[in-house]
PDB file of N, CA and C in Angstrom:
ATOM      1  N   MET A   1      -0.801  16.990  -1.357  1.00  0.00           N
ATOM      2  CA  MET A   1      -0.394  15.594  -1.446  1.00  0.00           C
ATOM      3  C   MET A   1       1.054  15.483  -0.982  1.00  0.00           C
ATOM      4  N   TYR A   2       1.280  14.521  -0.113  1.00  0.00           N
ATOM      5  CA  TYR A   2       2.638  14.241   0.326  1.00  0.00           C
ATOM      6  C   TYR A   2       3.367  13.449  -0.744  1.00  0.00           C
ATOM      7  N   PHE A   3       4.679  13.563  -0.757  1.00  0.00           N
ATOM      8  CA  PHE A   3       5.493  12.809  -1.709  1.00  0.00           C
ATOM      9  C   PHE A   3       5.216  11.319  -1.583  1.00  0.00           C
ATOM     10  N   THR A   4       5.024  10.835  -0.339  1.00  0.00           N
ATOM     11  CA  THR A   4       4.801   9.404  -0.125  1.00  0.00           C
ATOM     12  C   THR A   4       3.493   8.928  -0.730  1.00  0.00           C
ATOM     13  N   ASP A   5       2.553   9.836  -0.942  1.00  0.00           N
ATOM     14  CA  ASP A   5       1.277   9.430  -1.535  1.00  0.00           C
ATOM     15  C   ASP A   5       1.472   8.795  -2.905  1.00  0.00           C
ATOM     16  N   ARG A   6       2.470   9.232  -3.636  1.00  0.00           N
ATOM     17  CA  ARG A   6       2.712   8.655  -4.963  1.00  0.00           C
ATOM     18  C   ARG A   6       3.070   7.181  -4.852  1.00  0.00           C
ATOM     19  N   GLY A   7       3.923   6.858  -3.887  1.00  0.00           N
ATOM     20  CA  GLY A   7       4.291   5.457  -3.691  1.00  0.00           C
ATOM     21  C   GLY A   7       3.108   4.633  -3.220  1.00  0.00           C
ATOM     22  N   ILE A   8       2.310   5.198  -2.335  1.00  0.00           N
ATOM     23  CA  ILE A   8       1.124   4.490  -1.851  1.00  0.00           C
ATOM     24  C   ILE A   8       0.138   4.279  -2.995  1.00  0.00           C
ATOM     25  N   GLU A   9      -0.049   5.290  -3.815  1.00  0.00           N
ATOM     26  CA  GLU A   9      -0.946   5.153  -4.967  1.00  0.00           C
ATOM     27  C   GLU A   9      -0.431   4.097  -5.947  1.00  0.00           C
ATOM     28  N   GLU A  10       0.881   4.062  -6.173  1.00  0.00           N
ATOM     29  CA  GLU A  10       1.439   3.043  -7.066  1.00  0.00           C
ATOM     30  C   GLU A  10       1.226   1.649  -6.483  1.00  0.00           C
ATOM     31  N   LEU A  11       1.448   1.521  -5.183  1.00  0.00           N
ATOM     32  CA  LEU A  11       1.226   0.232  -4.520  1.00  0.00           C
ATOM     33  C   LEU A  11      -0.211  -0.219  -4.699  1.00  0.00           C
ATOM     34  N   GLU A  12      -1.134   0.681  -4.462  1.00  0.00           N
ATOM     35  CA  GLU A  12      -2.555   0.338  -4.597  1.00  0.00           C
ATOM     36  C   GLU A  12      -2.906  -0.015  -6.039  1.00  0.00           C
ATOM     37  N   LYS A  13      -2.362   0.739  -6.984  1.00  0.00           N
ATOM     38  CA  LYS A  13      -2.649   0.496  -8.397  1.00  0.00           C
ATOM     39  C   LYS A  13      -2.099  -0.861  -8.850  1.00  0.00           C
ATOM     40  N   ARG A  14      -0.864  -1.166  -8.464  1.00  0.00           N
ATOM     41  CA  ARG A  14      -0.218  -2.390  -8.932  1.00  0.00           C
ATOM     42  C   ARG A  14      -0.644  -3.635  -8.159  1.00  0.00           C
ATOM     43  N   ARG A  15      -0.936  -3.491  -6.862  1.00  0.00           N
ATOM     44  CA  ARG A  15      -1.172  -4.666  -6.023  1.00  0.00           C
ATOM     45  C   ARG A  15      -2.471  -4.605  -5.238  1.00  0.00           C
ATOM     46  N   GLY A  16      -3.309  -3.638  -5.559  1.00  0.00           N
ATOM     47  CA  GLY A  16      -4.531  -3.424  -4.808  1.00  0.00           C
ATOM     48  C   GLY A  16      -5.502  -4.589  -4.800  1.00  0.00           C
ATOM     49  N   GLU A  17      -5.421  -5.457  -5.761  1.00  0.00           N
ATOM     50  CA  GLU A  17      -6.320  -6.604  -5.838  1.00  0.00           C
ATOM     51  C   GLU A  17      -5.773  -7.831  -5.114  1.00  0.00           C
ATOM     52  N   GLU A  18      -4.501  -7.781  -4.701  1.00  0.00           N
ATOM     53  CA  GLU A  18      -3.867  -8.929  -4.059  1.00  0.00           C
ATOM     54  C   GLU A  18      -4.233  -9.012  -2.585  1.00  0.00           C
ATOM     55  N   GLU A  19      -4.156 -10.204  -2.043  1.00  0.00           N
ATOM     56  CA  GLU A  19      -4.298 -10.416  -0.611  1.00  0.00           C
ATOM     57  C   GLU A  19      -2.983 -10.963  -0.091  1.00  0.00           C
ATOM     58  N   VAL A  20      -2.533 -10.420   1.043  1.00  0.00           N
ATOM     59  CA  VAL A  20      -1.278 -10.861   1.640  1.00  0.00           C
ATOM     60  C   VAL A  20      -1.497 -11.117   3.126  1.00  0.00           C
ATOM     61  N   THR A  21      -0.584 -11.873   3.696  1.00  0.00           N
ATOM     62  CA  THR A  21      -0.643 -12.111   5.138  1.00  0.00           C
ATOM     63  C   THR A  21       0.292 -11.123   5.830  1.00  0.00           C
ATOM     64  N   PHE A  22       0.086 -10.952   7.129  1.00  0.00           N
ATOM     65  CA  PHE A  22       0.997 -10.102   7.872  1.00  0.00           C
ATOM     66  C   PHE A  22       2.376 -10.744   7.973  1.00  0.00           C
ATOM     67  N   GLY A  23       2.430 -12.064   7.922  1.00  0.00           N
ATOM     68  CA  GLY A  23       3.720 -12.749   7.888  1.00  0.00           C
ATOM     69  C   GLY A  23       4.509 -12.378   6.645  1.00  0.00           C
ATOM     70  N   TRP A  24       3.833 -12.352   5.499  1.00  0.00           N
ATOM     71  CA  TRP A  24       4.487 -11.963   4.246  1.00  0.00           C
ATOM     72  C   TRP A  24       4.941 -10.512   4.326  1.00  0.00           C
ATOM     73  N   LEU A  25       4.070  -9.638   4.830  1.00  0.00           N
ATOM     74  CA  LEU A  25       4.409  -8.228   4.952  1.00  0.00           C
ATOM     75  C   LEU A  25       5.614  -8.035   5.868  1.00  0.00           C
ATOM     76  N   ALA A  26       5.629  -8.733   6.995  1.00  0.00           N
ATOM     77  CA  ALA A  26       6.752  -8.636   7.932  1.00  0.00           C
ATOM     78  C   ALA A  26       8.057  -9.043   7.255  1.00  0.00           C
ATOM     79  N   GLU A  27       8.020 -10.106   6.473  1.00  0.00           N
ATOM     80  CA  GLU A  27       9.225 -10.561   5.775  1.00  0.00           C
ATOM     81  C   GLU A  27       9.694  -9.519   4.761  1.00  0.00           C
ATOM     82  N   GLN A  28       8.769  -8.900   4.039  1.00  0.00           N
ATOM     83  CA  GLN A  28       9.135  -7.868   3.068  1.00  0.00           C
ATOM     84  C   GLN A  28       9.736  -6.655   3.769  1.00  0.00           C
ATOM     85  N   LEU A  29       9.180  -6.283   4.933  1.00  0.00           N
ATOM     86  CA  LEU A  29       9.736  -5.158   5.688  1.00  0.00           C
ATOM     87  C   LEU A  29      11.148  -5.469   6.177  1.00  0.00           C
ATOM     88  N   ARG A  30      11.371  -6.714   6.644  1.00  0.00           N
ATOM     89  CA  ARG A  30      12.722  -7.107   7.072  1.00  0.00           C
ATOM     90  C   ARG A  30      13.709  -7.022   5.908  1.00  0.00           C
ATOM     91  N   THR A  31      13.300  -7.526   4.758  1.00  0.00           N
ATOM     92  CA  THR A  31      14.159  -7.483   3.577  1.00  0.00           C
ATOM     93  C   THR A  31      14.468  -6.041   3.189  1.00  0.00           C
ATOM     94  N   PHE A  32      13.444  -5.187   3.214  1.00  0.00           N
ATOM     95  CA  PHE A  32      13.636  -3.781   2.872  1.00  0.00           C
ATOM     96  C   PHE A  32      14.650  -3.127   3.810  1.00  0.00           C
ATOM     97  N   VAL A  33      14.522  -3.379   5.107  1.00  0.00           N
ATOM     98  CA  VAL A  33      15.461  -2.788   6.073  1.00  0.00           C
ATOM     99  C   VAL A  33      16.865  -3.356   5.891  1.00  0.00           C
ATOM    100  N   ASP A  34      16.964  -4.639   5.570  1.00  0.00           N
ATOM    101  CA  ASP A  34      18.289  -5.218   5.303  1.00  0.00           C
ATOM    102  C   ASP A  34      18.964  -4.509   4.129  1.00  0.00           C
ATOM    103  N   LEU A  35      18.188  -4.187   3.107  1.00  0.00           N
ATOM    104  CA  LEU A  35      18.725  -3.524   1.920  1.00  0.00           C
ATOM    105  C   LEU A  35      18.872  -2.019   2.109  1.00  0.00           C
ATOM    106  N   ASN A  36      18.101  -1.448   3.035  1.00  0.00           N
ATOM    107  CA  ASN A  36      18.073  -0.001   3.261  1.00  0.00           C
ATOM    108  C   ASN A  36      18.110   0.303   4.755  1.00  0.00           C
ATOM    109  N   PRO A  37      19.235   0.075   5.415  1.00  0.00           N
ATOM    110  CA  PRO A  37      19.294   0.222   6.874  1.00  0.00           C
ATOM    111  C   PRO A  37      18.972   1.628   7.375  1.00  0.00           C
ATOM    112  N   ASP A  38      19.108   2.635   6.540  1.00  0.00           N
ATOM    113  CA  ASP A  38      18.766   3.989   6.961  1.00  0.00           C
ATOM    114  C   ASP A  38      17.275   4.148   7.257  1.00  0.00           C
ATOM    115  N   PHE A  39      16.460   3.230   6.773  1.00  0.00           N
ATOM    116  CA  PHE A  39      15.011   3.300   6.971  1.00  0.00           C
ATOM    117  C   PHE A  39      14.536   2.419   8.118  1.00  0.00           C
ATOM    118  N   GLU A  40      15.456   1.924   8.929  1.00  0.00           N
ATOM    119  CA  GLU A  40      15.086   1.034  10.026  1.00  0.00           C
ATOM    120  C   GLU A  40      14.077   1.681  10.978  1.00  0.00           C
ATOM    121  N   VAL A  41      14.327   2.914  11.383  1.00  0.00           N
ATOM    122  CA  VAL A  41      13.445   3.578  12.347  1.00  0.00           C
ATOM    123  C   VAL A  41      12.045   3.818  11.765  1.00  0.00           C
ATOM    124  N   PRO A  42      11.913   4.391  10.565  1.00  0.00           N
ATOM    125  CA  PRO A  42      10.557   4.579  10.032  1.00  0.00           C
ATOM    126  C   PRO A  42       9.798   3.274   9.837  1.00  0.00           C
ATOM    127  N   VAL A  43      10.486   2.227   9.386  1.00  0.00           N
ATOM    128  CA  VAL A  43       9.820   0.934   9.196  1.00  0.00           C
ATOM    129  C   VAL A  43       9.392   0.370  10.549  1.00  0.00           C
ATOM    130  N   GLU A  44      10.239   0.517  11.557  1.00  0.00           N
ATOM    131  CA  GLU A  44       9.889   0.058  12.903  1.00  0.00           C
ATOM    132  C   GLU A  44       8.661   0.802  13.423  1.00  0.00           C
ATOM    133  N   ARG A  45       8.610   2.100  13.204  1.00  0.00           N
ATOM    134  CA  ARG A  45       7.455   2.891  13.646  1.00  0.00           C
ATOM    135  C   ARG A  45       6.189   2.476  12.914  1.00  0.00           C
ATOM    136  N   LEU A  46       6.283   2.243  11.617  1.00  0.00           N
ATOM    137  CA  LEU A  46       5.123   1.792  10.852  1.00  0.00           C
ATOM    138  C   LEU A  46       4.643   0.441  11.364  1.00  0.00           C
ATOM    139  N   ALA A  47       5.563  -0.489  11.557  1.00  0.00           N
ATOM    140  CA  ALA A  47       5.193  -1.831  12.027  1.00  0.00           C
ATOM    141  C   ALA A  47       4.543  -1.763  13.404  1.00  0.00           C
ATOM    142  N   THR A  48       5.086  -0.944  14.292  1.00  0.00           N
ATOM    143  CA  THR A  48       4.513  -0.798  15.621  1.00  0.00           C
ATOM    144  C   THR A  48       3.129  -0.172  15.551  1.00  0.00           C
ATOM    145  N   TRP A  49       2.970   0.822  14.708  1.00  0.00           N
ATOM    146  CA  TRP A  49       1.665   1.480  14.538  1.00  0.00           C
ATOM    147  C   TRP A  49       0.635   0.478  14.025  1.00  0.00           C
ATOM    148  N   LEU A  50       1.012  -0.307  13.011  1.00  0.00           N
ATOM    149  CA  LEU A  50       0.091  -1.318  12.479  1.00  0.00           C
ATOM    150  C   LEU A  50      -0.258  -2.360  13.538  1.00  0.00           C
ATOM    151  N   ALA A  51       0.728  -2.766  14.312  1.00  0.00           N
ATOM    152  CA  ALA A  51       0.508  -3.792  15.334  1.00  0.00           C
ATOM    153  C   ALA A  51      -0.446  -3.311  16.423  1.00  0.00           C
ATOM    154  N   ARG A  52      -0.458  -2.016  16.683  1.00  0.00           N
ATOM    155  CA  ARG A  52      -1.228  -1.482  17.809  1.00  0.00           C
ATOM    156  C   ARG A  52      -2.516  -0.779  17.400  1.00  0.00           C
ATOM    157  N   LEU A  53      -2.941  -0.908  16.157  1.00  0.00           N
ATOM    158  CA  LEU A  53      -4.156  -0.229  15.707  1.00  0.00           C
ATOM    159  C   LEU A  53      -5.358  -0.524  16.599  1.00  0.00           C
ATOM    160  N   ASP A  54      -5.549  -1.762  16.984  1.00  0.00           N
ATOM    161  CA  ASP A  54      -6.695  -2.130  17.816  1.00  0.00           C
ATOM    162  C   ASP A  54      -6.579  -1.562  19.217  1.00  0.00           C
ATOM    163  N   ASP A  55      -5.391  -1.279  19.694  1.00  0.00           N
ATOM    164  CA  ASP A  55      -5.199  -0.720  21.036  1.00  0.00           C
ATOM    165  C   ASP A  55      -5.894   0.625  21.187  1.00  0.00           C
ATOM    166  N   GLU A  56      -5.969   1.416  20.113  1.00  0.00           N
ATOM    167  CA  GLU A  56      -6.632   2.713  20.184  1.00  0.00           C
ATOM    168  C   GLU A  56      -8.102   2.559  20.538  1.00  0.00           C
ATOM    169  N   ASP A  57      -8.751   1.532  19.991  1.00  0.00           N
ATOM    170  CA  ASP A  57     -10.156   1.283  20.296  1.00  0.00           C
ATOM    171  C   ASP A  57     -10.351   0.949  21.754  1.00  0.00           C
ATOM    172  N   GLU A  58      -9.438   0.197  22.330  1.00  0.00           N
ATOM    173  CA  GLU A  58      -9.536  -0.182  23.733  1.00  0.00           C
ATOM    174  C   GLU A  58      -9.346   1.025  24.644  1.00  0.00           C
ATOM    175  N   ASP A  59      -8.506   1.981  24.245  1.00  0.00           N
ATOM    176  CA  ASP A  59      -8.262   3.159  25.070  1.00  0.00           C
ATOM    177  C   ASP A  59      -9.469   4.086  25.128  1.00  0.00           C
ATOM    178  N   GLU A  60     -10.339   4.040  24.107  1.00  0.00           N
ATOM    179  CA  GLU A  60     -11.498   4.917  24.047  1.00  0.00           C
ATOM    180  C   GLU A  60     -12.611   4.472  24.987  1.00  0.00           C
ATOM    181  N   ASP A  61     -12.589   3.220  25.441  1.00  0.00           N
ATOM    182  CA  ASP A  61     -13.658   2.720  26.307  1.00  0.00           C
ATOM    183  C   ASP A  61     -13.593   3.266  27.696  1.00  0.00           C
TER     184      ASP A  61
END
């Protein structure tokens, strides 16, 4: 188990029943980076990965 799995598990446990929009998620990521600028690159990579998930399916065709 990676260290990050604990945070992901906590997120799922506390908020797993909630529904959110990508607009809300984007705003939370911006706020997080504003408060924690050292995490700008990892958050950017995560956001880009999430944005391009469907692109992988198109590349397989």
